[in-house]
Amino acid sequence: MKVDFDITMTLIANTLYKVLASNFKLFSKAKPKTVYRSFVEGRAKIVITPKIVKVTYGKKSFNPAIMNFVKSLPTLNVPWTDNRLLEYSFE
């Protein structure tokens, strides 16, 4: 039974990586492993203050794609962090 669960979760993850990649022209033909390395495995610094959760991404070649995507997002207050504002920045 555990093997079936592992395979199912892997297939779901691969599908979600493909969906994420389809939002970026640069990654539209990328394999799930490449998308994972570029977005999920990347490093970021998270600082939590009384009013803001700030996520700062390190220097990576894909930052322009992420920056454009993040700029298109609406302002977001995260309820489970006492409604702190979620803010992104890039080195």
N, C-alpha and C. Protein backbone atom coordinates (compact mmCIF):
# COMPACT_ATOMS: atom_id res chain seq x y z
N MET A 1 0.82 -1.20 0.00
CA MET A 1 0.00 0.00 0.00
C MET A 1 0.86 1.26 0.00
N LYS A 2 1.98 1.25 0.73
CA LYS A 2 2.85 2.41 0.80
C LYS A 2 3.42 2.76 -0.57
N VAL A 3 3.75 1.76 -1.37
CA VAL A 3 4.29 2.00 -2.70
C VAL A 3 3.26 2.74 -3.56
N ASP A 4 2.02 2.34 -3.48
CA ASP A 4 0.97 3.01 -4.25
C ASP A 4 0.85 4.48 -3.84
N PHE A 5 0.93 4.75 -2.56
CA PHE A 5 0.84 6.12 -2.07
C PHE A 5 2.02 6.94 -2.58
N ASP A 6 3.23 6.39 -2.52
CA ASP A 6 4.42 7.09 -2.99
C ASP A 6 4.32 7.42 -4.48
N ILE A 7 3.88 6.47 -5.25
CA ILE A 7 3.74 6.69 -6.69
C ILE A 7 2.68 7.76 -6.97
N THR A 8 1.58 7.68 -6.26
CA THR A 8 0.51 8.67 -6.44
C THR A 8 1.00 10.07 -6.11
N MET A 9 1.70 10.22 -4.99
CA MET A 9 2.20 11.53 -4.60
C MET A 9 3.24 12.06 -5.60
N THR A 10 4.06 11.18 -6.13
CA THR A 10 5.04 11.59 -7.14
C THR A 10 4.35 12.08 -8.40
N LEU A 11 3.32 11.38 -8.83
CA LEU A 11 2.58 11.79 -10.02
C LEU A 11 1.88 13.13 -9.80
N ILE A 12 1.32 13.32 -8.62
CA ILE A 12 0.66 14.60 -8.31
C ILE A 12 1.69 15.72 -8.33
N ALA A 13 2.84 15.50 -7.69
CA ALA A 13 3.89 16.52 -7.66
C ALA A 13 4.37 16.86 -9.07
N ASN A 14 4.61 15.85 -9.88
CA ASN A 14 5.06 16.10 -11.26
C ASN A 14 4.03 16.91 -12.04
N THR A 15 2.77 16.60 -11.84
CA THR A 15 1.71 17.34 -12.53
C THR A 15 1.68 18.80 -12.07
N LEU A 16 1.80 19.01 -10.77
CA LEU A 16 1.80 20.38 -10.24
C LEU A 16 3.01 21.18 -10.73
N TYR A 17 4.17 20.53 -10.83
CA TYR A 17 5.35 21.22 -11.37
C TYR A 17 5.11 21.62 -12.82
N LYS A 18 4.48 20.75 -13.59
CA LYS A 18 4.17 21.07 -14.99
C LYS A 18 3.20 22.25 -15.08
N VAL A 19 2.21 22.28 -14.21
CA VAL A 19 1.26 23.40 -14.20
C VAL A 19 1.98 24.69 -13.85
N LEU A 20 2.85 24.65 -12.84
CA LEU A 20 3.63 25.83 -12.47
C LEU A 20 4.49 26.28 -13.64
N ALA A 21 5.17 25.36 -14.28
CA ALA A 21 6.06 25.69 -15.39
C ALA A 21 5.30 26.29 -16.56
N SER A 22 4.07 25.88 -16.76
CA SER A 22 3.30 26.39 -17.89
C SER A 22 3.00 27.88 -17.76
N ASN A 23 3.14 28.44 -16.56
CA ASN A 23 2.93 29.87 -16.35
C ASN A 23 4.12 30.71 -16.76
N PHE A 24 5.24 30.08 -17.06
CA PHE A 24 6.47 30.78 -17.41
C PHE A 24 6.97 30.28 -18.76
N LYS A 25 7.10 31.18 -19.72
CA LYS A 25 7.58 30.78 -21.05
C LYS A 25 8.94 30.09 -20.97
N LEU A 26 9.79 30.59 -20.10
CA LEU A 26 11.13 30.05 -19.96
C LEU A 26 11.12 28.57 -19.55
N PHE A 27 10.11 28.17 -18.79
CA PHE A 27 10.04 26.81 -18.27
C PHE A 27 8.93 25.97 -18.91
N SER A 28 8.32 26.46 -19.96
CA SER A 28 7.16 25.76 -20.52
C SER A 28 7.47 24.34 -20.99
N LYS A 29 8.71 24.07 -21.38
CA LYS A 29 9.07 22.72 -21.83
C LYS A 29 10.00 22.03 -20.84
N ALA A 30 10.15 22.60 -19.66
CA ALA A 30 11.06 22.03 -18.66
C ALA A 30 10.48 20.76 -18.04
N LYS A 31 11.37 19.89 -17.63
CA LYS A 31 10.96 18.67 -16.94
C LYS A 31 10.67 19.01 -15.47
N PRO A 32 9.84 18.21 -14.82
CA PRO A 32 9.50 18.47 -13.42
C PRO A 32 10.73 18.64 -12.51
N LYS A 33 11.78 17.86 -12.75
CA LYS A 33 12.98 17.95 -11.93
C LYS A 33 13.63 19.34 -12.05
N THR A 34 13.64 19.90 -13.25
CA THR A 34 14.19 21.23 -13.47
C THR A 34 13.36 22.29 -12.76
N VAL A 35 12.05 22.16 -12.85
CA VAL A 35 11.15 23.10 -12.18
C VAL A 35 11.37 23.03 -10.67
N TYR A 36 11.48 21.83 -10.15
CA TYR A 36 11.72 21.66 -8.71
C TYR A 36 13.02 22.36 -8.30
N ARG A 37 14.08 22.12 -9.03
CA ARG A 37 15.37 22.73 -8.70
C ARG A 37 15.31 24.25 -8.77
N SER A 38 14.57 24.77 -9.72
CA SER A 38 14.54 26.21 -9.93
C SER A 38 13.65 26.95 -8.93
N PHE A 39 12.54 26.35 -8.55
CA PHE A 39 11.58 27.05 -7.71
C PHE A 39 11.54 26.56 -6.27
N VAL A 40 11.48 25.28 -6.09
CA VAL A 40 11.28 24.72 -4.75
C VAL A 40 12.59 24.60 -3.99
N GLU A 41 13.62 24.14 -4.66
CA GLU A 41 14.89 23.90 -3.99
C GLU A 41 15.69 25.19 -3.79
N GLY A 42 15.26 26.26 -4.39
CA GLY A 42 15.97 27.53 -4.26
C GLY A 42 15.98 28.04 -2.83
N ARG A 43 16.91 28.90 -2.54
CA ARG A 43 17.03 29.42 -1.18
C ARG A 43 16.33 30.77 -1.06
N ALA A 44 15.80 30.98 0.11
CA ALA A 44 15.18 32.26 0.43
C ALA A 44 15.36 32.53 1.91
N LYS A 45 15.41 33.79 2.24
CA LYS A 45 15.50 34.19 3.65
C LYS A 45 14.12 34.70 4.05
N ILE A 46 13.62 34.22 5.18
CA ILE A 46 12.31 34.63 5.66
C ILE A 46 12.47 35.37 6.98
N VAL A 47 11.95 36.59 7.02
CA VAL A 47 12.00 37.39 8.23
C VAL A 47 10.56 37.71 8.64
N ILE A 48 10.24 37.41 9.90
CA ILE A 48 8.89 37.66 10.39
C ILE A 48 8.94 38.78 11.43
N THR A 49 8.21 39.85 11.14
CA THR A 49 8.10 40.97 12.07
C THR A 49 6.66 41.00 12.58
N PRO A 50 6.34 41.88 13.50
CA PRO A 50 4.96 41.92 14.01
C PRO A 50 3.89 42.17 12.94
N LYS A 51 4.27 42.81 11.82
CA LYS A 51 3.27 43.14 10.80
C LYS A 51 3.52 42.51 9.43
N ILE A 52 4.74 42.01 9.20
CA ILE A 52 5.11 41.56 7.85
C ILE A 52 5.85 40.22 7.91
N VAL A 53 5.57 39.37 6.90
CA VAL A 53 6.39 38.19 6.63
C VAL A 53 7.11 38.51 5.32
N LYS A 54 8.43 38.69 5.40
CA LYS A 54 9.19 39.08 4.22
C LYS A 54 10.03 37.91 3.73
N VAL A 55 9.84 37.56 2.46
CA VAL A 55 10.58 36.48 1.82
C VAL A 55 11.55 37.11 0.83
N THR A 56 12.84 36.88 1.04
CA THR A 56 13.86 37.44 0.15
C THR A 56 14.54 36.30 -0.60
N TYR A 57 14.39 36.30 -1.91
CA TYR A 57 15.00 35.27 -2.74
C TYR A 57 16.43 35.65 -3.07
N GLY A 58 17.30 34.63 -3.15
CA GLY A 58 18.69 34.85 -3.52
C GLY A 58 18.83 35.07 -5.02
N LYS A 59 20.06 35.33 -5.43
CA LYS A 59 20.33 35.56 -6.85
C LYS A 59 20.23 34.24 -7.61
N LYS A 60 19.39 34.21 -8.59
CA LYS A 60 19.22 33.04 -9.46
C LYS A 60 18.90 33.55 -10.86
N SER A 61 19.18 32.75 -11.85
CA SER A 61 18.94 33.18 -13.22
C SER A 61 17.46 33.30 -13.54
N PHE A 62 16.58 32.65 -12.78
CA PHE A 62 15.16 32.70 -13.08
C PHE A 62 14.43 33.81 -12.34
N ASN A 63 15.13 34.62 -11.56
CA ASN A 63 14.47 35.67 -10.78
C ASN A 63 13.57 36.59 -11.60
N PRO A 64 13.95 37.01 -12.81
CA PRO A 64 13.05 37.88 -13.56
C PRO A 64 11.67 37.24 -13.79
N ALA A 65 11.63 35.95 -14.02
CA ALA A 65 10.34 35.28 -14.21
C ALA A 65 9.53 35.30 -12.93
N ILE A 66 10.18 35.01 -11.82
CA ILE A 66 9.48 35.03 -10.54
C ILE A 66 9.05 36.45 -10.19
N MET A 67 9.93 37.42 -10.44
CA MET A 67 9.61 38.81 -10.12
C MET A 67 8.36 39.26 -10.87
N ASN A 68 8.27 38.94 -12.14
CA ASN A 68 7.09 39.32 -12.92
C ASN A 68 5.84 38.65 -12.39
N PHE A 69 5.96 37.39 -12.01
CA PHE A 69 4.82 36.67 -11.47
C PHE A 69 4.38 37.27 -10.14
N VAL A 70 5.34 37.54 -9.26
CA VAL A 70 5.03 38.08 -7.94
C VAL A 70 4.40 39.46 -8.05
N LYS A 71 4.88 40.27 -8.98
CA LYS A 71 4.30 41.60 -9.17
C LYS A 71 2.84 41.54 -9.60
N SER A 72 2.46 40.44 -10.23
CA SER A 72 1.08 40.31 -10.69
C SER A 72 0.14 39.84 -9.58
N LEU A 73 0.69 39.41 -8.45
CA LEU A 73 -0.13 38.92 -7.35
C LEU A 73 -0.75 40.06 -6.55
N PRO A 74 -1.95 39.86 -6.05
CA PRO A 74 -2.55 40.90 -5.19
C PRO A 74 -1.87 40.91 -3.82
N THR A 75 -2.03 42.01 -3.10
CA THR A 75 -1.51 42.09 -1.74
C THR A 75 -2.19 41.01 -0.91
N LEU A 76 -1.40 40.33 -0.10
CA LEU A 76 -1.94 39.18 0.63
C LEU A 76 -1.60 39.27 2.11
N ASN A 77 -2.63 39.24 2.93
CA ASN A 77 -2.45 39.10 4.36
C ASN A 77 -2.74 37.64 4.70
N VAL A 78 -1.81 37.01 5.40
CA VAL A 78 -1.92 35.58 5.67
C VAL A 78 -2.63 35.37 7.02
N PRO A 79 -3.83 34.79 6.99
CA PRO A 79 -4.63 34.66 8.21
C PRO A 79 -3.95 33.87 9.33
N TRP A 80 -3.23 32.80 9.01
CA TRP A 80 -2.64 31.97 10.05
C TRP A 80 -1.34 32.55 10.62
N THR A 81 -0.98 33.78 10.18
CA THR A 81 0.17 34.48 10.77
C THR A 81 -0.30 35.77 11.43
N ASP A 82 -1.50 35.74 11.98
CA ASP A 82 -2.11 36.93 12.59
C ASP A 82 -2.28 38.05 11.57
N ASN A 83 -2.65 37.68 10.35
CA ASN A 83 -2.90 38.62 9.25
C ASN A 83 -1.69 39.49 8.89
N ARG A 84 -0.51 38.92 9.02
CA ARG A 84 0.69 39.66 8.58
C ARG A 84 0.69 39.77 7.06
N LEU A 85 1.24 40.86 6.56
CA LEU A 85 1.36 41.09 5.13
C LEU A 85 2.49 40.22 4.59
N LEU A 86 2.25 39.52 3.49
CA LEU A 86 3.27 38.71 2.83
C LEU A 86 3.96 39.59 1.79
N GLU A 87 5.27 39.74 1.94
CA GLU A 87 6.04 40.64 1.08
C GLU A 87 7.23 39.88 0.50
N TYR A 88 7.50 40.12 -0.79
CA TYR A 88 8.61 39.46 -1.47
C TYR A 88 9.65 40.49 -1.86
N SER A 89 10.91 40.08 -1.83
CA SER A 89 11.98 40.92 -2.36
C SER A 89 13.05 40.01 -2.96
N PHE A 90 13.96 40.61 -3.69
CA PHE A 90 14.99 39.85 -4.40
C PHE A 90 16.34 40.51 -4.20
N GLU A 91 17.37 39.68 -4.02
CA GLU A 91 18.73 40.22 -3.85
C GLU A 91 19.26 40.73 -5.16
